[in-house]
Amino acid sequence: MATVLIVGASRGIGLEWVRQARAAGDRVVATARDEAGLQRLRDLGAVALKLDVMDTASASGLAWQIDGYAFDQVALVAGVYGSRISGLQTPTEAEFNTVMQTNVLGPMRVLPQLQDALAPGARLAIISSRMGSISLRSDSQGWLYRASKAAVNSVLKDASLMLQDKAICISVHPGWVRTEMGGEGADIDVQTSVAGMRAVMAGLSPADNGSFINYDGQRLTW
């Protein structure tokens, strides 16, 4: 039985991750921003913690909420796409702040809170996106979201260096998933995505630390 932390689990990928981990018999701690989300987590048998990565005070209080835990697996799932900007449309300041603070500053707030709550050999994944890859990029659709995922890949790489004696840290692309964010026309269902990412995490070795990996195990370039 593993002890698992999922940050941003009120719906979509995060909620399905809770469901699959609980079905596997894992002890699960998961976060949500509001009472409705927290109740969905409790209904699945998870320990539900209130956390808003957009709020400094909320994020800084995570460490005491998880004091005493030793997590074998951590998944930072919380993220937003933002406005469906096409072409070279300048985002508003509010749009920029929402996407960057959620997708980049959020993990930068949460990661320091986890350092004393990682079990030896823990596996930690930030849910990124292939859209954040610079070398694989072929169009500019969603350039604000792309910028945020490129930035969080940088955050993960630094975390992998700082935590290398404690955890194996990766960025993982969940695929184009049929969720509220991905839409009905996406390639795969959320069950397939999460099952793949859980398998990737289970198979990690120290040589994978600091890598960018697809949900099916394929290595991705930055």
C-alpha atoms as a PDB file:
ATOM      1  CA  MET A   1       0.000   0.000   0.000  1.00  0.00           C
ATOM      2  CA  ALA A   2       1.415   3.353  -1.067  1.00  0.00           C
ATOM      3  CA  THR A   3       0.752   6.719   0.536  1.00  0.00           C
ATOM      4  CA  VAL A   4      -0.220   9.169  -2.205  1.00  0.00           C
ATOM      5  CA  LEU A   5      -0.710  12.940  -2.336  1.00  0.00           C
ATOM      6  CA  ILE A   6      -2.672  14.500  -5.177  1.00  0.00           C
ATOM      7  CA  VAL A   7      -2.756  18.293  -5.356  1.00  0.00           C
ATOM      8  CA  GLY A   8      -5.708  19.599  -7.350  1.00  0.00           C
ATOM      9  CA  ALA A   9      -8.086  16.648  -7.228  1.00  0.00           C
ATOM     10  CA  SER A  10     -11.603  18.053  -7.256  1.00  0.00           C
ATOM     11  CA  ARG A  11     -12.367  16.947 -10.832  1.00  0.00           C
ATOM     12  CA  GLY A  12     -10.943  15.572 -14.066  1.00  0.00           C
ATOM     13  CA  ILE A  13      -7.492  13.983 -13.931  1.00  0.00           C
ATOM     14  CA  GLY A  14      -6.976  14.624 -10.225  1.00  0.00           C
ATOM     15  CA  LEU A  15     -10.291  13.084  -9.171  1.00  0.00           C
ATOM     16  CA  GLU A  16      -9.726  10.035 -11.384  1.00  0.00           C
ATOM     17  CA  TRP A  17      -6.241   9.648  -9.877  1.00  0.00           C
ATOM     18  CA  VAL A  18      -7.840   9.521  -6.428  1.00  0.00           C
ATOM     19  CA  ARG A  19     -10.357   6.963  -7.646  1.00  0.00           C
ATOM     20  CA  GLN A  20      -7.732   4.655  -9.145  1.00  0.00           C
ATOM     21  CA  ALA A  21      -5.347   4.962  -6.216  1.00  0.00           C
ATOM     22  CA  ARG A  22      -8.092   4.153  -3.728  1.00  0.00           C
ATOM     23  CA  ALA A  23      -9.202   1.185  -5.853  1.00  0.00           C
ATOM     24  CA  ALA A  24      -5.601  -0.068  -5.680  1.00  0.00           C
ATOM     25  CA  GLY A  25      -5.731   0.105  -1.880  1.00  0.00           C
ATOM     26  CA  ASP A  26      -3.517   3.159  -1.518  1.00  0.00           C
ATOM     27  CA  ARG A  27      -3.791   5.625   1.329  1.00  0.00           C
ATOM     28  CA  VAL A  28      -4.692   8.888  -0.418  1.00  0.00           C
ATOM     29  CA  VAL A  29      -4.467  12.506   0.681  1.00  0.00           C
ATOM     30  CA  ALA A  30      -5.925  14.939  -1.853  1.00  0.00           C
ATOM     31  CA  THR A  31      -6.646  18.642  -2.088  1.00  0.00           C
ATOM     32  CA  ALA A  32      -9.475  20.774  -3.395  1.00  0.00           C
ATOM     33  CA  ARG A  33     -10.377  24.442  -3.182  1.00  0.00           C
ATOM     34  CA  ASP A  34     -14.016  24.257  -2.089  1.00  0.00           C
ATOM     35  CA  GLU A  35     -16.349  22.156   0.024  1.00  0.00           C
ATOM     36  CA  ALA A  36     -18.005  20.462  -2.949  1.00  0.00           C
ATOM     37  CA  GLY A  37     -14.646  19.253  -4.192  1.00  0.00           C
ATOM     38  CA  LEU A  38     -13.585  18.171  -0.712  1.00  0.00           C
ATOM     39  CA  GLN A  39     -16.753  16.131  -0.312  1.00  0.00           C
ATOM     40  CA  ARG A  40     -16.128  14.312  -3.601  1.00  0.00           C
ATOM     41  CA  LEU A  41     -12.730  13.304  -2.240  1.00  0.00           C
ATOM     42  CA  ARG A  42     -14.164  12.128   1.083  1.00  0.00           C
ATOM     43  CA  ASP A  43     -16.747  10.070  -0.780  1.00  0.00           C
ATOM     44  CA  LEU A  44     -13.881   8.174  -2.431  1.00  0.00           C
ATOM     45  CA  GLY A  45     -12.219   7.516   0.917  1.00  0.00           C
ATOM     46  CA  ALA A  46      -9.443  10.083   0.634  1.00  0.00           C
ATOM     47  CA  VAL A  47      -8.213  12.415   3.355  1.00  0.00           C
ATOM     48  CA  ALA A  48      -9.401  15.750   1.974  1.00  0.00           C
ATOM     49  CA  LEU A  49      -7.402  18.925   2.558  1.00  0.00           C
ATOM     50  CA  LYS A  50      -8.462  22.417   1.568  1.00  0.00           C
ATOM     51  CA  LEU A  51      -5.821  24.100  -0.592  1.00  0.00           C
ATOM     52  CA  ASP A  52      -5.877  26.935  -3.116  1.00  0.00           C
ATOM     53  CA  VAL A  53      -2.546  27.230  -4.918  1.00  0.00           C
ATOM     54  CA  MET A  54      -3.513  30.758  -5.989  1.00  0.00           C
ATOM     55  CA  ASP A  55      -3.552  31.864  -2.349  1.00  0.00           C
ATOM     56  CA  THR A  56      -0.226  32.426  -0.601  1.00  0.00           C
ATOM     57  CA  ALA A  57      -1.524  31.780   2.900  1.00  0.00           C
ATOM     58  CA  SER A  58      -3.348  28.629   1.850  1.00  0.00           C
ATOM     59  CA  ALA A  59      -0.296  27.182   0.081  1.00  0.00           C
ATOM     60  CA  SER A  60       2.054  28.061   2.937  1.00  0.00           C
ATOM     61  CA  GLY A  61      -0.200  26.156   5.328  1.00  0.00           C
ATOM     62  CA  LEU A  62       0.131  22.865   3.449  1.00  0.00           C
ATOM     63  CA  ALA A  63       3.240  21.745   5.360  1.00  0.00           C
ATOM     64  CA  TRP A  64       1.482  21.593   8.718  1.00  0.00           C
ATOM     65  CA  GLN A  65      -1.531  19.834   7.166  1.00  0.00           C
ATOM     66  CA  ILE A  66       0.693  17.005   5.927  1.00  0.00           C
ATOM     67  CA  ASP A  67       3.007  16.918   8.938  1.00  0.00           C
ATOM     68  CA  GLY A  68       3.703  13.299   9.862  1.00  0.00           C
ATOM     69  CA  TYR A  69       3.040  11.871   6.398  1.00  0.00           C
ATOM     70  CA  ALA A  70       5.673  10.151   4.267  1.00  0.00           C
ATOM     71  CA  PHE A  71       4.387  10.156   0.703  1.00  0.00           C
ATOM     72  CA  ASP A  72       5.513   7.487  -1.728  1.00  0.00           C
ATOM     73  CA  GLN A  73       3.909   9.274  -4.665  1.00  0.00           C
ATOM     74  CA  VAL A  74       2.990  12.917  -5.254  1.00  0.00           C
ATOM     75  CA  ALA A  75       1.115  14.301  -8.262  1.00  0.00           C
ATOM     76  CA  LEU A  76       0.741  18.060  -8.740  1.00  0.00           C
ATOM     77  CA  VAL A  77      -2.296  18.221 -10.995  1.00  0.00           C
ATOM     78  CA  ALA A  78      -3.791  21.681 -10.385  1.00  0.00           C
ATOM     79  CA  GLY A  79      -3.799  23.736 -13.569  1.00  0.00           C
ATOM     80  CA  VAL A  80      -5.874  25.908 -15.894  1.00  0.00           C
ATOM     81  CA  TYR A  81      -5.880  26.545 -19.629  1.00  0.00           C
ATOM     82  CA  GLY A  82      -7.192  30.096 -19.484  1.00  0.00           C
ATOM     83  CA  SER A  83      -8.771  31.943 -22.385  1.00  0.00           C
ATOM     84  CA  ARG A  84      -8.761  30.201 -25.765  1.00  0.00           C
ATOM     85  CA  ILE A  85      -6.337  32.659 -27.307  1.00  0.00           C
ATOM     86  CA  SER A  86      -5.431  32.069 -30.944  1.00  0.00           C
ATOM     87  CA  GLY A  87      -2.582  33.600 -32.882  1.00  0.00           C
ATOM     88  CA  LEU A  88      -0.561  36.457 -31.445  1.00  0.00           C
ATOM     89  CA  GLN A  89      -3.311  37.864 -29.247  1.00  0.00           C
ATOM     90  CA  THR A  90      -1.931  39.576 -26.169  1.00  0.00           C
ATOM     91  CA  PRO A  91      -3.566  38.161 -23.034  1.00  0.00           C
ATOM     92  CA  THR A  92      -4.972  40.597 -20.542  1.00  0.00           C
ATOM     93  CA  GLU A  93      -3.037  41.086 -17.341  1.00  0.00           C
ATOM     94  CA  ALA A  94      -5.757  39.199 -15.468  1.00  0.00           C
ATOM     95  CA  GLU A  95      -5.605  36.263 -17.893  1.00  0.00           C
ATOM     96  CA  PHE A  96      -1.816  36.140 -17.659  1.00  0.00           C
ATOM     97  CA  ASN A  97      -1.835  36.257 -13.871  1.00  0.00           C
ATOM     98  CA  THR A  98      -4.448  33.519 -13.520  1.00  0.00           C
ATOM     99  CA  VAL A  99      -2.658  31.063 -15.817  1.00  0.00           C
ATOM    100  CA  MET A 100       0.873  31.777 -14.642  1.00  0.00           C
ATOM    101  CA  GLN A 101       0.028  31.881 -10.957  1.00  0.00           C
ATOM    102  CA  THR A 102      -1.910  28.608 -11.131  1.00  0.00           C
ATOM    103  CA  ASN A 103       0.367  26.642 -13.459  1.00  0.00           C
ATOM    104  CA  VAL A 104       3.783  27.993 -12.419  1.00  0.00           C
ATOM    105  CA  LEU A 105       3.667  29.852  -9.123  1.00  0.00           C
ATOM    106  CA  GLY A 106       1.333  27.194  -7.694  1.00  0.00           C
ATOM    107  CA  PRO A 107       3.918  24.395  -7.950  1.00  0.00           C
ATOM    108  CA  MET A 108       6.631  26.799  -6.767  1.00  0.00           C
ATOM    109  CA  ARG A 109       4.523  27.413  -3.661  1.00  0.00           C
ATOM    110  CA  VAL A 110       3.706  23.758  -3.059  1.00  0.00           C
ATOM    111  CA  LEU A 111       7.050  22.064  -3.725  1.00  0.00           C
ATOM    112  CA  PRO A 112       8.896  23.599  -0.744  1.00  0.00           C
ATOM    113  CA  GLN A 113       6.075  22.408   1.530  1.00  0.00           C
ATOM    114  CA  LEU A 114       6.683  18.790   0.509  1.00  0.00           C
ATOM    115  CA  GLN A 115      10.360  18.395   1.319  1.00  0.00           C
ATOM    116  CA  ASP A 116       9.855  16.912   4.783  1.00  0.00           C
ATOM    117  CA  ALA A 117       6.886  14.761   3.752  1.00  0.00           C
ATOM    118  CA  LEU A 118       8.558  12.555   1.132  1.00  0.00           C
ATOM    119  CA  ALA A 119       9.269   8.901   1.819  1.00  0.00           C
ATOM    120  CA  PRO A 120      12.707   7.603   0.778  1.00  0.00           C
ATOM    121  CA  GLY A 121      12.674   7.017  -2.975  1.00  0.00           C
ATOM    122  CA  ALA A 122       9.422   8.922  -3.473  1.00  0.00           C
ATOM    123  CA  ARG A 123       8.132   9.611  -6.974  1.00  0.00           C
ATOM    124  CA  LEU A 124       6.889  13.124  -7.748  1.00  0.00           C
ATOM    125  CA  ALA A 125       5.166  14.220 -10.955  1.00  0.00           C
ATOM    126  CA  ILE A 126       4.039  17.610 -12.177  1.00  0.00           C
ATOM    127  CA  ILE A 127       1.283  17.351 -14.755  1.00  0.00           C
ATOM    128  CA  SER A 128       2.691  19.381 -17.615  1.00  0.00           C
ATOM    129  CA  SER A 129       1.810  19.217 -21.315  1.00  0.00           C
ATOM    130  CA  ARG A 130       3.433  18.400 -24.612  1.00  0.00           C
ATOM    131  CA  MET A 131       2.263  21.924 -25.531  1.00  0.00           C
ATOM    132  CA  GLY A 132       5.036  23.186 -23.254  1.00  0.00           C
ATOM    133  CA  SER A 133       7.747  21.513 -25.329  1.00  0.00           C
ATOM    134  CA  ILE A 134       9.681  24.004 -27.438  1.00  0.00           C
ATOM    135  CA  SER A 135      11.347  21.428 -29.691  1.00  0.00           C
ATOM    136  CA  LEU A 136       8.083  19.564 -30.435  1.00  0.00           C
ATOM    137  CA  ARG A 137       6.039  22.693 -31.121  1.00  0.00           C
ATOM    138  CA  SER A 138       4.392  23.009 -34.533  1.00  0.00           C
ATOM    139  CA  ASP A 139       1.806  25.748 -33.948  1.00  0.00           C
ATOM    140  CA  SER A 140       1.156  28.626 -31.573  1.00  0.00           C
ATOM    141  CA  GLN A 141      -2.415  27.867 -30.499  1.00  0.00           C
ATOM    142  CA  GLY A 142      -2.785  28.705 -26.825  1.00  0.00           C
ATOM    143  CA  TRP A 143       0.528  30.517 -26.468  1.00  0.00           C
ATOM    144  CA  LEU A 144      -0.181  31.622 -22.901  1.00  0.00           C
ATOM    145  CA  TYR A 145      -0.874  28.040 -21.782  1.00  0.00           C
ATOM    146  CA  ARG A 146       2.193  26.855 -23.723  1.00  0.00           C
ATOM    147  CA  ALA A 147       4.354  29.466 -21.998  1.00  0.00           C
ATOM    148  CA  SER A 148       3.089  28.366 -18.591  1.00  0.00           C
ATOM    149  CA  LYS A 149       3.849  24.706 -19.264  1.00  0.00           C
ATOM    150  CA  ALA A 150       7.316  25.501 -20.609  1.00  0.00           C
ATOM    151  CA  ALA A 151       7.912  27.454 -17.405  1.00  0.00           C
ATOM    152  CA  VAL A 152       6.665  24.681 -15.116  1.00  0.00           C
ATOM    153  CA  ASN A 153       8.954  22.237 -16.927  1.00  0.00           C
ATOM    154  CA  SER A 154      11.808  24.494 -15.851  1.00  0.00           C
ATOM    155  CA  VAL A 155      10.468  24.461 -12.292  1.00  0.00           C
ATOM    156  CA  LEU A 156      10.360  20.661 -12.333  1.00  0.00           C
ATOM    157  CA  LYS A 157      13.898  20.396 -13.656  1.00  0.00           C
ATOM    158  CA  ASP A 158      15.202  22.563 -10.819  1.00  0.00           C
ATOM    159  CA  ALA A 159      13.151  20.599  -8.277  1.00  0.00           C
ATOM    160  CA  SER A 160      14.619  17.353  -9.613  1.00  0.00           C
ATOM    161  CA  LEU A 161      18.097  18.662  -8.841  1.00  0.00           C
ATOM    162  CA  MET A 162      17.233  19.961  -5.389  1.00  0.00           C
ATOM    163  CA  LEU A 163      15.295  16.841  -4.367  1.00  0.00           C
ATOM    164  CA  GLN A 164      17.429  14.225  -6.091  1.00  0.00           C
ATOM    165  CA  ASP A 165      18.495  12.671  -2.772  1.00  0.00           C
ATOM    166  CA  LYS A 166      14.849  12.304  -1.736  1.00  0.00           C
ATOM    167  CA  ALA A 167      12.701  11.696  -4.805  1.00  0.00           C
ATOM    168  CA  ILE A 168      12.513  10.906  -8.509  1.00  0.00           C
ATOM    169  CA  CYS A 169      10.860  13.942 -10.094  1.00  0.00           C
ATOM    170  CA  ILE A 170       9.316  14.112 -13.573  1.00  0.00           C
ATOM    171  CA  SER A 171       7.135  16.255 -15.789  1.00  0.00           C
ATOM    172  CA  VAL A 172       4.414  14.136 -17.363  1.00  0.00           C
ATOM    173  CA  HIS A 173       2.162  14.804 -20.347  1.00  0.00           C
ATOM    174  CA  PRO A 174      -1.271  13.287 -19.642  1.00  0.00           C
ATOM    175  CA  GLY A 175      -2.228  13.134 -23.306  1.00  0.00           C
ATOM    176  CA  TRP A 176      -5.087  15.086 -24.846  1.00  0.00           C
ATOM    177  CA  VAL A 177      -7.757  13.975 -22.396  1.00  0.00           C
ATOM    178  CA  ARG A 178     -11.541  14.147 -22.555  1.00  0.00           C
ATOM    179  CA  THR A 179     -12.063  16.359 -19.509  1.00  0.00           C
ATOM    180  CA  GLU A 180     -13.664  19.752 -19.015  1.00  0.00           C
ATOM    181  CA  MET A 181     -10.363  21.307 -20.104  1.00  0.00           C
ATOM    182  CA  GLY A 182      -9.593  18.919 -22.959  1.00  0.00           C
ATOM    183  CA  GLY A 183     -13.105  18.819 -24.399  1.00  0.00           C
ATOM    184  CA  GLU A 184     -15.172  16.025 -25.916  1.00  0.00           C
ATOM    185  CA  GLY A 185     -13.025  15.822 -29.041  1.00  0.00           C
ATOM    186  CA  ALA A 186      -9.847  14.834 -27.180  1.00  0.00           C
ATOM    187  CA  ASP A 187      -7.941  11.653 -27.991  1.00  0.00           C
ATOM    188  CA  ILE A 188      -8.247   9.577 -24.827  1.00  0.00           C
ATOM    189  CA  ASP A 189     -10.481   9.176 -21.807  1.00  0.00           C
ATOM    190  CA  VAL A 190      -9.378  10.175 -18.342  1.00  0.00           C
ATOM    191  CA  GLN A 191      -9.200   6.574 -17.138  1.00  0.00           C
ATOM    192  CA  THR A 192      -6.606   5.694 -19.801  1.00  0.00           C
ATOM    193  CA  SER A 193      -4.571   8.818 -19.090  1.00  0.00           C
ATOM    194  CA  VAL A 194      -4.398   8.299 -15.342  1.00  0.00           C
ATOM    195  CA  ALA A 195      -3.740   4.560 -15.591  1.00  0.00           C
ATOM    196  CA  GLY A 196      -0.838   5.320 -17.920  1.00  0.00           C
ATOM    197  CA  MET A 197       0.652   8.002 -15.679  1.00  0.00           C
ATOM    198  CA  ARG A 198       0.354   5.761 -12.619  1.00  0.00           C
ATOM    199  CA  ALA A 199       2.164   3.015 -14.505  1.00  0.00           C
ATOM    200  CA  VAL A 200       4.891   5.469 -15.525  1.00  0.00           C
ATOM    201  CA  MET A 201       5.391   6.528 -11.915  1.00  0.00           C
ATOM    202  CA  ALA A 202       5.492   2.934 -10.704  1.00  0.00           C
ATOM    203  CA  GLY A 203       8.220   2.111 -13.209  1.00  0.00           C
ATOM    204  CA  LEU A 204      10.514   5.056 -12.555  1.00  0.00           C
ATOM    205  CA  SER A 205      14.175   4.564 -11.717  1.00  0.00           C
ATOM    206  CA  PRO A 206      16.729   7.122 -10.498  1.00  0.00           C
ATOM    207  CA  ALA A 207      17.912   7.531 -14.102  1.00  0.00           C
ATOM    208  CA  ASP A 208      14.493   9.039 -14.932  1.00  0.00           C
ATOM    209  CA  ASN A 209      14.894  11.925 -12.492  1.00  0.00           C
ATOM    210  CA  GLY A 210      14.363  15.245 -14.249  1.00  0.00           C
ATOM    211  CA  SER A 211      12.722  13.695 -17.330  1.00  0.00           C
ATOM    212  CA  PHE A 212       9.709  14.722 -19.440  1.00  0.00           C
ATOM    213  CA  ILE A 213       7.569  11.640 -20.103  1.00  0.00           C
ATOM    214  CA  ASN A 214       4.347  10.925 -22.009  1.00  0.00           C
ATOM    215  CA  TYR A 215       1.534   9.076 -20.243  1.00  0.00           C
ATOM    216  CA  ASP A 216       2.384   5.974 -22.280  1.00  0.00           C
ATOM    217  CA  GLY A 217       6.031   6.008 -21.157  1.00  0.00           C
ATOM    218  CA  GLN A 218       7.522   7.689 -24.251  1.00  0.00           C
ATOM    219  CA  ARG A 219      10.294  10.180 -23.474  1.00  0.00           C
ATOM    220  CA  LEU A 220       9.568  13.727 -24.654  1.00  0.00           C
ATOM    221  CA  THR A 221      12.057  16.438 -25.516  1.00  0.00           C
ATOM    222  CA  TRP A 222      11.980  19.802 -23.822  1.00  0.00           C
END
